[in-house]
N, C-alpha and C. Protein backbone atom coordinates (compact mmCIF):
# COMPACT_ATOMS: atom_id res chain seq x y z
N ASP A 1 -178.28 5.07 137.47
CA ASP A 1 -179.64 4.95 137.02
C ASP A 1 -180.12 3.51 137.06
N GLU A 2 -179.32 2.59 137.59
CA GLU A 2 -179.71 1.19 137.68
C GLU A 2 -179.84 0.79 139.15
N ILE A 3 -180.72 -0.15 139.40
CA ILE A 3 -180.97 -0.63 140.76
C ILE A 3 -180.91 -2.15 140.76
N SER A 4 -180.22 -2.71 141.76
CA SER A 4 -180.27 -4.16 141.95
C SER A 4 -180.54 -4.43 143.42
N ILE A 5 -181.26 -5.51 143.67
CA ILE A 5 -181.57 -5.93 145.04
C ILE A 5 -181.04 -7.34 145.23
N TRP A 6 -180.35 -7.54 146.34
CA TRP A 6 -179.76 -8.84 146.69
C TRP A 6 -180.44 -9.36 147.94
N ASP A 7 -180.42 -10.66 148.14
CA ASP A 7 -181.04 -11.23 149.33
C ASP A 7 -180.06 -11.34 150.48
N GLY A 8 -178.90 -10.79 150.33
CA GLY A 8 -177.89 -10.79 151.39
C GLY A 8 -176.89 -9.67 151.17
N VAL A 9 -175.85 -9.70 151.96
CA VAL A 9 -174.81 -8.67 151.89
C VAL A 9 -173.81 -9.03 150.80
N ILE A 10 -173.41 -8.03 150.01
CA ILE A 10 -172.31 -8.23 149.07
C ILE A 10 -171.14 -7.37 149.54
N SER A 11 -169.94 -7.84 149.29
CA SER A 11 -168.74 -7.16 149.78
C SER A 11 -168.40 -5.96 148.92
N SER A 12 -167.50 -5.13 149.41
CA SER A 12 -167.07 -3.96 148.64
C SER A 12 -166.34 -4.40 147.37
N SER A 13 -165.62 -5.51 147.41
CA SER A 13 -164.96 -5.99 146.19
C SER A 13 -165.99 -6.47 145.17
N GLN A 14 -167.08 -7.05 145.64
CA GLN A 14 -168.15 -7.46 144.73
C GLN A 14 -168.86 -6.25 144.12
N VAL A 15 -169.03 -5.19 144.91
CA VAL A 15 -169.58 -3.95 144.36
C VAL A 15 -168.66 -3.43 143.27
N GLY A 16 -167.35 -3.51 143.48
CA GLY A 16 -166.38 -3.09 142.46
C GLY A 16 -166.51 -3.90 141.18
N ILE A 17 -166.76 -5.20 141.30
CA ILE A 17 -166.95 -6.05 140.13
C ILE A 17 -168.18 -5.59 139.34
N ILE A 18 -169.27 -5.31 140.05
CA ILE A 18 -170.49 -4.82 139.39
C ILE A 18 -170.21 -3.50 138.70
N TYR A 19 -169.55 -2.59 139.40
CA TYR A 19 -169.27 -1.26 138.83
C TYR A 19 -168.41 -1.38 137.58
N ASN A 20 -167.37 -2.18 137.63
CA ASN A 20 -166.45 -2.29 136.50
C ASN A 20 -167.01 -3.08 135.33
N SER A 21 -167.89 -4.03 135.60
CA SER A 21 -168.46 -4.82 134.51
C SER A 21 -169.73 -4.20 133.95
N GLY A 22 -170.39 -3.36 134.75
CA GLY A 22 -171.63 -2.73 134.33
C GLY A 22 -172.85 -3.62 134.49
N SER A 23 -172.67 -4.79 135.11
CA SER A 23 -173.77 -5.72 135.23
C SER A 23 -173.62 -6.59 136.48
N PRO A 24 -174.67 -6.75 137.27
CA PRO A 24 -174.61 -7.67 138.41
C PRO A 24 -174.79 -9.13 138.02
N ILE A 25 -175.15 -9.39 136.77
CA ILE A 25 -175.42 -10.75 136.32
C ILE A 25 -174.17 -11.63 136.46
N GLU A 26 -173.03 -11.13 136.01
CA GLU A 26 -171.79 -11.90 136.08
C GLU A 26 -171.45 -12.26 137.52
N LEU A 27 -171.61 -11.32 138.43
CA LEU A 27 -171.32 -11.57 139.84
C LEU A 27 -172.27 -12.61 140.40
N ASN A 28 -173.52 -12.55 140.02
CA ASN A 28 -174.50 -13.50 140.53
C ASN A 28 -174.17 -14.92 140.12
N GLU A 29 -173.49 -15.10 138.99
CA GLU A 29 -173.14 -16.43 138.52
C GLU A 29 -171.81 -16.92 139.10
N SER A 30 -171.12 -16.05 139.84
CA SER A 30 -169.81 -16.40 140.38
C SER A 30 -169.96 -17.29 141.61
N PRO A 31 -169.15 -18.35 141.74
CA PRO A 31 -169.25 -19.23 142.90
C PRO A 31 -168.81 -18.58 144.22
N VAL A 32 -168.10 -17.44 144.16
CA VAL A 32 -167.67 -16.79 145.40
C VAL A 32 -168.79 -15.96 146.01
N ASN A 33 -169.88 -15.78 145.29
CA ASN A 33 -170.97 -14.96 145.79
C ASN A 33 -172.01 -15.84 146.46
N SER A 34 -172.27 -15.57 147.74
CA SER A 34 -173.27 -16.36 148.46
C SER A 34 -174.63 -15.68 148.46
N SER A 35 -174.71 -14.47 147.94
CA SER A 35 -175.98 -13.75 147.87
C SER A 35 -176.63 -13.98 146.52
N TYR A 36 -177.95 -13.96 146.52
CA TYR A 36 -178.71 -14.19 145.32
C TYR A 36 -179.29 -12.88 144.81
N LEU A 37 -179.13 -12.62 143.52
CA LEU A 37 -179.67 -11.43 142.89
C LEU A 37 -181.19 -11.56 142.77
N VAL A 38 -181.92 -10.72 143.47
CA VAL A 38 -183.38 -10.77 143.46
C VAL A 38 -183.94 -10.07 142.24
N GLY A 39 -183.36 -8.91 141.89
CA GLY A 39 -183.84 -8.16 140.74
C GLY A 39 -182.85 -7.10 140.31
N TRP A 40 -182.90 -6.75 139.02
CA TRP A 40 -182.02 -5.73 138.46
C TRP A 40 -182.81 -4.95 137.42
N TRP A 41 -182.96 -3.66 137.66
CA TRP A 41 -183.73 -2.79 136.78
C TRP A 41 -182.83 -1.71 136.21
N ARG A 42 -182.80 -1.57 134.89
CA ARG A 42 -181.92 -0.62 134.23
C ARG A 42 -182.58 0.74 134.04
N ASN A 43 -183.85 0.85 134.37
CA ASN A 43 -184.57 2.13 134.40
C ASN A 43 -184.50 2.93 133.11
N GLY A 44 -184.96 2.35 132.06
CA GLY A 44 -185.05 3.04 130.78
C GLY A 44 -184.39 2.27 129.66
N ASP A 45 -183.28 1.62 129.93
CA ASP A 45 -182.61 0.84 128.89
C ASP A 45 -183.44 -0.41 128.59
N GLY A 46 -184.04 -0.45 127.43
CA GLY A 46 -184.84 -1.59 127.03
C GLY A 46 -186.27 -1.57 127.56
N ALA A 47 -186.65 -0.50 128.25
CA ALA A 47 -188.00 -0.42 128.79
C ALA A 47 -188.99 0.03 127.72
N THR A 48 -190.18 -0.50 127.80
CA THR A 48 -191.29 -0.08 126.95
C THR A 48 -192.40 0.38 127.86
N PHE A 49 -192.76 1.63 127.76
CA PHE A 49 -193.75 2.23 128.64
C PHE A 49 -194.99 1.36 128.74
N PRO A 50 -195.49 1.07 129.91
CA PRO A 50 -195.13 1.56 131.23
C PRO A 50 -194.33 0.56 132.07
N THR A 51 -193.68 -0.41 131.45
CA THR A 51 -193.00 -1.47 132.20
C THR A 51 -191.49 -1.29 132.24
N ILE A 52 -190.90 -1.45 133.43
CA ILE A 52 -189.45 -1.49 133.59
C ILE A 52 -189.10 -2.96 133.80
N PRO A 53 -188.49 -3.61 132.80
CA PRO A 53 -188.24 -5.05 132.92
C PRO A 53 -187.17 -5.39 133.95
N ASP A 54 -187.35 -6.52 134.59
CA ASP A 54 -186.35 -7.08 135.51
C ASP A 54 -185.33 -7.81 134.66
N GLU A 55 -184.08 -7.36 134.69
CA GLU A 55 -183.02 -7.93 133.86
C GLU A 55 -182.29 -9.08 134.56
N SER A 56 -182.68 -9.41 135.78
CA SER A 56 -182.05 -10.53 136.48
C SER A 56 -182.56 -11.85 135.91
N ALA A 57 -182.05 -12.95 136.40
CA ALA A 57 -182.49 -14.26 135.93
C ALA A 57 -183.94 -14.53 136.32
N ASN A 58 -184.48 -13.78 137.27
CA ASN A 58 -185.87 -13.98 137.69
C ASN A 58 -186.85 -13.58 136.61
N TYR A 59 -186.64 -12.44 136.00
CA TYR A 59 -187.53 -11.88 134.99
C TYR A 59 -188.96 -11.71 135.48
N SER A 60 -189.19 -11.87 136.76
CA SER A 60 -190.56 -11.85 137.25
C SER A 60 -190.89 -10.65 138.12
N ASN A 61 -189.94 -9.76 138.30
CA ASN A 61 -190.14 -8.62 139.19
C ASN A 61 -190.18 -7.32 138.41
N ALA A 62 -190.97 -7.27 137.35
CA ALA A 62 -191.05 -6.07 136.53
C ALA A 62 -191.63 -4.92 137.33
N GLY A 63 -191.13 -3.72 137.04
CA GLY A 63 -191.65 -2.51 137.67
C GLY A 63 -192.62 -1.81 136.74
N THR A 64 -193.39 -0.90 137.30
CA THR A 64 -194.33 -0.14 136.51
C THR A 64 -194.07 1.35 136.71
N MET A 65 -193.91 2.07 135.61
CA MET A 65 -193.69 3.52 135.68
C MET A 65 -194.99 4.19 136.08
N THR A 66 -194.92 5.11 137.03
CA THR A 66 -196.10 5.86 137.44
C THR A 66 -195.77 7.35 137.36
N ASN A 67 -196.79 8.14 137.19
CA ASN A 67 -196.63 9.60 137.06
C ASN A 67 -195.68 9.97 135.94
N MET A 68 -195.72 9.22 134.85
CA MET A 68 -194.87 9.45 133.69
C MET A 68 -195.71 9.29 132.43
N ILE A 69 -195.13 9.73 131.33
CA ILE A 69 -195.68 9.45 130.02
C ILE A 69 -194.60 8.78 129.20
N ALA A 70 -194.94 8.17 128.11
CA ALA A 70 -193.96 7.44 127.29
C ALA A 70 -192.80 8.34 126.87
N GLY A 71 -193.04 9.63 126.65
CA GLY A 71 -191.99 10.55 126.23
C GLY A 71 -190.96 10.85 127.30
N ASP A 72 -191.21 10.45 128.54
CA ASP A 72 -190.25 10.68 129.63
C ASP A 72 -189.06 9.72 129.56
N ILE A 73 -189.17 8.65 128.80
CA ILE A 73 -188.08 7.68 128.72
C ILE A 73 -186.94 8.27 127.91
N ASN A 74 -185.75 8.27 128.48
CA ASN A 74 -184.55 8.76 127.81
C ASN A 74 -183.75 7.57 127.32
N THR A 75 -183.68 7.38 126.02
CA THR A 75 -182.96 6.22 125.48
C THR A 75 -181.50 6.53 125.18
N ASP A 76 -181.08 7.77 125.38
CA ASP A 76 -179.70 8.17 125.14
C ASP A 76 -178.91 8.03 126.43
N THR A 77 -178.63 6.77 126.81
CA THR A 77 -177.91 6.49 128.04
C THR A 77 -176.55 5.91 127.75
N PRO A 78 -175.59 6.12 128.66
CA PRO A 78 -174.26 5.56 128.45
C PRO A 78 -174.31 4.04 128.41
N GLY A 79 -173.50 3.43 127.59
CA GLY A 79 -173.48 1.97 127.48
C GLY A 79 -172.56 1.31 128.41
């Protein structure tokens, strides 16, 4: 339920780091990573209708929910 966009290719081992840590932020701060995290959206976790906040260091690429109502947000998500 989460989406991240990178400005380059990340390796399969880097994907494993993201999967196991639950966050691309740690990988983005790693010196072995040559790609830059453009945006990371958790799609409901911490969102306030109608905005989906960008959780990356950019904080400037917020998304907007469309064709939804505030009651569509499910806050019971795995941590």
